[in-house]
Amino acid sequence: HVQLVESGGGLVQPGGSLRLSCAASRNTNCMGWFRQAPGKEREGVAVIDSDGTTTYGSSVKGRFTISRDNANNTLYLQMNSLTPDDTAVYYCAASALGAYWGQGTQVTVS
């Protein structure tokens, strides 16, 4: 079992930046960030493999950067040039002989 705890969400003005963190209780394989806006389906934001290979959703490419600190089992998401369309609950996810999700952190751009 893996526990994931997100932090770093909040309220930011358009054009601003936020950095999300996700602390995992143990090492994992693939990790990623997903988000869900009110009335919309959950969508993938960015994914990073254990070797550092990254994949981004088209709506965030060039603005968001995913990274991980394997020594501390921590995942990050640097979000720049935020727009109101980025407003959502952001979830951390990880795979480790199963799929695990964090509780989510609210990001509001207004």
N, C-alpha and C. Protein backbone atom coordinates (compact mmCIF):
# COMPACT_ATOMS: atom_id res chain seq x y z
N HIS A 1 0.83 -1.19 0.00
CA HIS A 1 0.00 0.00 0.00
C HIS A 1 0.87 1.24 0.00
N VAL A 2 0.41 2.28 -0.71
CA VAL A 2 1.14 3.54 -0.79
C VAL A 2 0.20 4.67 -0.38
N GLN A 3 0.65 5.51 0.52
CA GLN A 3 -0.10 6.72 0.88
C GLN A 3 0.51 7.91 0.17
N LEU A 4 -0.35 8.75 -0.37
CA LEU A 4 0.08 9.93 -1.10
C LEU A 4 -0.56 11.16 -0.47
N VAL A 5 0.23 12.17 -0.18
CA VAL A 5 -0.28 13.38 0.45
C VAL A 5 0.17 14.58 -0.37
N GLU A 6 -0.81 15.27 -0.96
CA GLU A 6 -0.51 16.45 -1.77
C GLU A 6 -0.48 17.71 -0.90
N SER A 7 0.24 18.70 -1.36
CA SER A 7 0.26 20.01 -0.72
C SER A 7 0.64 21.06 -1.76
N GLY A 8 0.41 22.32 -1.42
CA GLY A 8 0.84 23.40 -2.29
C GLY A 8 -0.25 24.08 -3.08
N GLY A 9 -1.47 23.58 -3.00
CA GLY A 9 -2.56 24.23 -3.71
C GLY A 9 -2.93 25.55 -3.08
N GLY A 10 -3.81 26.29 -3.76
CA GLY A 10 -4.24 27.56 -3.21
C GLY A 10 -4.85 28.45 -4.27
N LEU A 11 -4.98 29.72 -3.93
CA LEU A 11 -5.55 30.72 -4.82
C LEU A 11 -4.44 31.55 -5.42
N VAL A 12 -4.47 31.72 -6.72
CA VAL A 12 -3.44 32.49 -7.41
C VAL A 12 -4.09 33.30 -8.53
N GLN A 13 -3.51 34.43 -8.85
CA GLN A 13 -4.03 35.27 -9.92
C GLN A 13 -3.61 34.72 -11.29
N PRO A 14 -4.36 35.01 -12.31
CA PRO A 14 -3.95 34.59 -13.67
C PRO A 14 -2.55 35.09 -13.99
N GLY A 15 -1.77 34.22 -14.59
CA GLY A 15 -0.39 34.54 -14.91
C GLY A 15 0.58 34.15 -13.80
N GLY A 16 0.05 33.77 -12.66
CA GLY A 16 0.90 33.41 -11.52
C GLY A 16 1.39 31.97 -11.58
N SER A 17 2.08 31.58 -10.52
CA SER A 17 2.68 30.24 -10.44
C SER A 17 2.35 29.58 -9.10
N LEU A 18 2.35 28.27 -9.13
CA LEU A 18 2.21 27.47 -7.93
C LEU A 18 3.06 26.22 -8.10
N ARG A 19 3.49 25.67 -6.96
CA ARG A 19 4.23 24.42 -6.99
C ARG A 19 3.52 23.42 -6.09
N LEU A 20 3.09 22.32 -6.68
CA LEU A 20 2.46 21.26 -5.92
C LEU A 20 3.49 20.21 -5.53
N SER A 21 3.28 19.61 -4.38
CA SER A 21 4.13 18.52 -3.92
C SER A 21 3.27 17.33 -3.56
N CYS A 22 3.83 16.15 -3.69
CA CYS A 22 3.14 14.92 -3.30
C CYS A 22 4.15 14.01 -2.62
N ALA A 23 3.92 13.77 -1.35
CA ALA A 23 4.82 12.90 -0.58
C ALA A 23 4.26 11.49 -0.57
N ALA A 24 5.07 10.54 -1.01
CA ALA A 24 4.66 9.14 -1.03
C ALA A 24 5.28 8.42 0.17
N SER A 25 4.55 7.43 0.67
CA SER A 25 5.01 6.71 1.86
C SER A 25 6.14 5.74 1.54
N ARG A 26 6.31 5.40 0.26
CA ARG A 26 7.43 4.55 -0.14
C ARG A 26 7.70 4.76 -1.62
N ASN A 27 8.75 4.13 -2.12
CA ASN A 27 9.09 4.34 -3.52
C ASN A 27 8.05 3.71 -4.44
N THR A 28 7.89 4.34 -5.59
CA THR A 28 6.88 3.91 -6.55
C THR A 28 7.50 3.89 -7.95
N ASN A 29 6.75 3.39 -8.89
CA ASN A 29 7.18 3.37 -10.29
C ASN A 29 6.73 4.67 -10.96
N CYS A 30 5.75 4.57 -11.83
CA CYS A 30 5.25 5.75 -12.51
C CYS A 30 4.44 6.61 -11.54
N MET A 31 4.60 7.92 -11.64
CA MET A 31 3.83 8.86 -10.83
C MET A 31 3.27 9.94 -11.74
N GLY A 32 2.19 10.55 -11.32
CA GLY A 32 1.61 11.57 -12.18
C GLY A 32 0.65 12.49 -11.46
N TRP A 33 0.29 13.53 -12.16
CA TRP A 33 -0.70 14.49 -11.68
C TRP A 33 -1.91 14.45 -12.61
N PHE A 34 -3.07 14.46 -11.99
CA PHE A 34 -4.33 14.53 -12.70
C PHE A 34 -5.14 15.67 -12.10
N ARG A 35 -6.15 16.12 -12.82
CA ARG A 35 -6.97 17.19 -12.27
C ARG A 35 -8.42 17.00 -12.70
N GLN A 36 -9.31 17.55 -11.88
CA GLN A 36 -10.73 17.48 -12.18
C GLN A 36 -11.37 18.80 -11.84
N ALA A 37 -11.92 19.44 -12.87
CA ALA A 37 -12.64 20.70 -12.68
C ALA A 37 -14.12 20.40 -12.45
N PRO A 38 -14.86 21.30 -11.83
CA PRO A 38 -16.29 21.07 -11.58
C PRO A 38 -17.04 20.76 -12.87
N GLY A 39 -17.79 19.68 -12.87
CA GLY A 39 -18.59 19.33 -14.03
C GLY A 39 -17.82 18.68 -15.17
N LYS A 40 -16.53 18.43 -14.95
CA LYS A 40 -15.71 17.83 -16.00
C LYS A 40 -15.11 16.51 -15.52
N GLU A 41 -14.69 15.70 -16.48
CA GLU A 41 -14.04 14.44 -16.14
C GLU A 41 -12.60 14.70 -15.70
N ARG A 42 -12.08 13.75 -14.94
CA ARG A 42 -10.67 13.84 -14.53
C ARG A 42 -9.78 13.69 -15.76
N GLU A 43 -8.75 14.53 -15.84
CA GLU A 43 -7.85 14.48 -16.99
C GLU A 43 -6.41 14.38 -16.53
N GLY A 44 -5.59 13.77 -17.35
CA GLY A 44 -4.17 13.67 -17.05
C GLY A 44 -3.47 14.99 -17.30
N VAL A 45 -2.61 15.36 -16.39
CA VAL A 45 -1.84 16.60 -16.52
C VAL A 45 -0.41 16.28 -16.94
N ALA A 46 0.24 15.44 -16.18
CA ALA A 46 1.62 15.07 -16.48
C ALA A 46 1.96 13.78 -15.77
N VAL A 47 2.86 13.02 -16.39
CA VAL A 47 3.29 11.74 -15.85
C VAL A 47 4.80 11.66 -15.93
N ILE A 48 5.41 11.01 -14.96
CA ILE A 48 6.85 10.81 -14.97
C ILE A 48 7.16 9.38 -14.55
N ASP A 49 7.98 8.70 -15.35
CA ASP A 49 8.39 7.35 -15.04
C ASP A 49 9.53 7.35 -14.02
N SER A 50 9.85 6.19 -13.53
CA SER A 50 10.93 6.09 -12.54
C SER A 50 12.28 6.49 -13.12
N ASP A 51 12.42 6.43 -14.45
CA ASP A 51 13.69 6.83 -15.07
C ASP A 51 13.69 8.30 -15.47
N GLY A 52 12.61 9.02 -15.15
CA GLY A 52 12.56 10.46 -15.42
C GLY A 52 11.89 10.83 -16.72
N THR A 53 11.45 9.87 -17.49
CA THR A 53 10.74 10.18 -18.74
C THR A 53 9.41 10.85 -18.42
N THR A 54 9.13 11.96 -19.10
CA THR A 54 7.92 12.73 -18.80
C THR A 54 6.97 12.79 -19.99
N THR A 55 5.70 12.93 -19.68
CA THR A 55 4.65 13.12 -20.69
C THR A 55 3.69 14.16 -20.16
N TYR A 56 3.27 15.10 -21.00
CA TYR A 56 2.39 16.18 -20.59
C TYR A 56 1.10 16.20 -21.41
N GLY A 57 0.04 16.66 -20.75
CA GLY A 57 -1.18 16.91 -21.47
C GLY A 57 -1.00 18.12 -22.37
N SER A 58 -1.72 18.16 -23.47
CA SER A 58 -1.53 19.23 -24.45
C SER A 58 -1.85 20.61 -23.88
N SER A 59 -2.77 20.67 -22.92
CA SER A 59 -3.19 21.97 -22.40
C SER A 59 -2.17 22.58 -21.44
N VAL A 60 -1.22 21.80 -20.97
CA VAL A 60 -0.25 22.32 -20.00
C VAL A 60 1.19 22.29 -20.52
N LYS A 61 1.40 21.69 -21.67
CA LYS A 61 2.75 21.57 -22.21
C LYS A 61 3.37 22.95 -22.40
N GLY A 62 4.58 23.10 -21.90
CA GLY A 62 5.26 24.38 -22.00
C GLY A 62 5.03 25.30 -20.82
N ARG A 63 4.04 24.98 -19.99
CA ARG A 63 3.74 25.81 -18.81
C ARG A 63 4.00 25.07 -17.49
N PHE A 64 3.76 23.77 -17.50
CA PHE A 64 3.92 22.96 -16.29
C PHE A 64 5.16 22.07 -16.43
N THR A 65 5.79 21.79 -15.30
CA THR A 65 6.94 20.90 -15.27
C THR A 65 6.77 19.90 -14.14
N ILE A 66 6.82 18.62 -14.49
CA ILE A 66 6.74 17.57 -13.48
C ILE A 66 8.15 17.08 -13.17
N SER A 67 8.39 16.78 -11.89
CA SER A 67 9.69 16.26 -11.49
C SER A 67 9.50 15.39 -10.25
N ARG A 68 10.54 14.63 -9.94
CA ARG A 68 10.46 13.76 -8.78
C ARG A 68 11.80 13.65 -8.09
N ASP A 69 11.73 13.48 -6.79
CA ASP A 69 12.91 13.27 -5.97
C ASP A 69 12.80 11.85 -5.44
N ASN A 70 13.46 10.92 -6.10
CA ASN A 70 13.32 9.52 -5.73
C ASN A 70 13.90 9.23 -4.34
N ALA A 71 14.89 9.96 -3.95
CA ALA A 71 15.50 9.73 -2.63
C ALA A 71 14.52 10.03 -1.49
N ASN A 72 13.62 10.99 -1.75
CA ASN A 72 12.66 11.38 -0.73
C ASN A 72 11.22 11.00 -1.09
N ASN A 73 11.07 10.21 -2.15
CA ASN A 73 9.74 9.73 -2.57
C ASN A 73 8.75 10.88 -2.71
N THR A 74 9.19 11.93 -3.38
CA THR A 74 8.35 13.12 -3.53
C THR A 74 8.20 13.49 -5.00
N LEU A 75 6.99 13.85 -5.35
CA LEU A 75 6.65 14.27 -6.70
C LEU A 75 6.31 15.75 -6.68
N TYR A 76 6.68 16.46 -7.73
CA TYR A 76 6.41 17.90 -7.81
C TYR A 76 5.71 18.25 -9.11
N LEU A 77 4.99 19.36 -9.08
CA LEU A 77 4.43 19.93 -10.30
C LEU A 77 4.58 21.44 -10.22
N GLN A 78 5.48 21.98 -11.02
CA GLN A 78 5.65 23.43 -11.11
C GLN A 78 4.70 23.95 -12.17
N MET A 79 3.82 24.84 -11.78
CA MET A 79 2.81 25.37 -12.68
C MET A 79 3.04 26.86 -12.89
N ASN A 80 3.29 27.26 -14.12
CA ASN A 80 3.52 28.65 -14.47
C ASN A 80 2.46 29.13 -15.44
N SER A 81 2.37 30.45 -15.57
CA SER A 81 1.41 31.06 -16.51
C SER A 81 0.01 30.48 -16.34
N LEU A 82 -0.42 30.42 -15.11
CA LEU A 82 -1.73 29.82 -14.81
C LEU A 82 -2.87 30.67 -15.36
N THR A 83 -3.91 29.99 -15.80
CA THR A 83 -5.11 30.64 -16.31
C THR A 83 -6.32 30.10 -15.53
N PRO A 84 -7.45 30.78 -15.61
CA PRO A 84 -8.65 30.27 -14.93
C PRO A 84 -9.03 28.85 -15.36
N ASP A 85 -8.67 28.46 -16.57
CA ASP A 85 -8.97 27.10 -17.03
C ASP A 85 -8.17 26.04 -16.28
N ASP A 86 -7.16 26.44 -15.55
CA ASP A 86 -6.37 25.50 -14.74
C ASP A 86 -7.01 25.24 -13.38
N THR A 87 -8.06 25.95 -13.07
CA THR A 87 -8.76 25.75 -11.80
C THR A 87 -9.34 24.34 -11.72
N ALA A 88 -8.96 23.62 -10.67
CA ALA A 88 -9.39 22.23 -10.53
C ALA A 88 -8.86 21.69 -9.21
N VAL A 89 -9.33 20.51 -8.85
CA VAL A 89 -8.68 19.73 -7.79
C VAL A 89 -7.61 18.90 -8.46
N TYR A 90 -6.40 19.00 -7.95
CA TYR A 90 -5.26 18.28 -8.52
C TYR A 90 -4.96 17.06 -7.65
N TYR A 91 -4.84 15.92 -8.31
CA TYR A 91 -4.60 14.67 -7.62
C TYR A 91 -3.23 14.10 -8.02
N CYS A 92 -2.55 13.59 -7.04
CA CYS A 92 -1.33 12.83 -7.26
C CYS A 92 -1.69 11.36 -7.40
N ALA A 93 -1.03 10.66 -8.30
CA ALA A 93 -1.27 9.23 -8.47
C ALA A 93 0.07 8.53 -8.62
N ALA A 94 0.09 7.26 -8.22
CA ALA A 94 1.31 6.49 -8.32
C ALA A 94 0.98 5.03 -8.56
N SER A 95 1.89 4.35 -9.22
CA SER A 95 1.73 2.92 -9.45
C SER A 95 2.83 2.17 -8.71
N ALA A 96 2.42 1.14 -7.99
CA ALA A 96 3.36 0.31 -7.25
C ALA A 96 2.65 -0.99 -6.94
N LEU A 97 2.63 -1.90 -7.91
CA LEU A 97 1.84 -3.14 -7.80
C LEU A 97 0.38 -2.79 -7.53
N GLY A 98 -0.07 -1.71 -8.11
CA GLY A 98 -1.42 -1.22 -7.93
C GLY A 98 -1.45 0.26 -8.19
N ALA A 99 -2.63 0.85 -8.27
CA ALA A 99 -2.76 2.28 -8.50
C ALA A 99 -3.24 2.95 -7.22
N TYR A 100 -2.60 4.06 -6.89
CA TYR A 100 -2.91 4.77 -5.66
C TYR A 100 -3.15 6.25 -5.97
N TRP A 101 -4.03 6.85 -5.19
CA TRP A 101 -4.40 8.25 -5.39
C TRP A 101 -4.29 9.02 -4.08
N GLY A 102 -3.92 10.29 -4.19
CA GLY A 102 -3.96 11.17 -3.04
C GLY A 102 -5.37 11.73 -2.87
N GLN A 103 -5.52 12.57 -1.85
CA GLN A 103 -6.84 13.11 -1.54
C GLN A 103 -7.18 14.33 -2.36
N GLY A 104 -6.19 14.91 -3.02
CA GLY A 104 -6.41 16.07 -3.88
C GLY A 104 -6.13 17.37 -3.18
N THR A 105 -5.72 18.36 -3.96
CA THR A 105 -5.49 19.71 -3.46
C THR A 105 -6.11 20.70 -4.44
N GLN A 106 -6.81 21.68 -3.90
CA GLN A 106 -7.54 22.64 -4.74
C GLN A 106 -6.60 23.71 -5.27
N VAL A 107 -6.69 23.95 -6.56
CA VAL A 107 -5.99 25.05 -7.20
C VAL A 107 -7.05 25.95 -7.83
N THR A 108 -7.05 27.22 -7.44
CA THR A 108 -8.01 28.17 -7.97
C THR A 108 -7.25 29.34 -8.58
N VAL A 109 -7.53 29.61 -9.85
CA VAL A 109 -6.89 30.72 -10.55
C VAL A 109 -7.97 31.76 -10.82
N SER A 110 -7.86 32.89 -10.13
CA SER A 110 -8.89 33.92 -10.24
C SER A 110 -8.33 35.26 -9.85
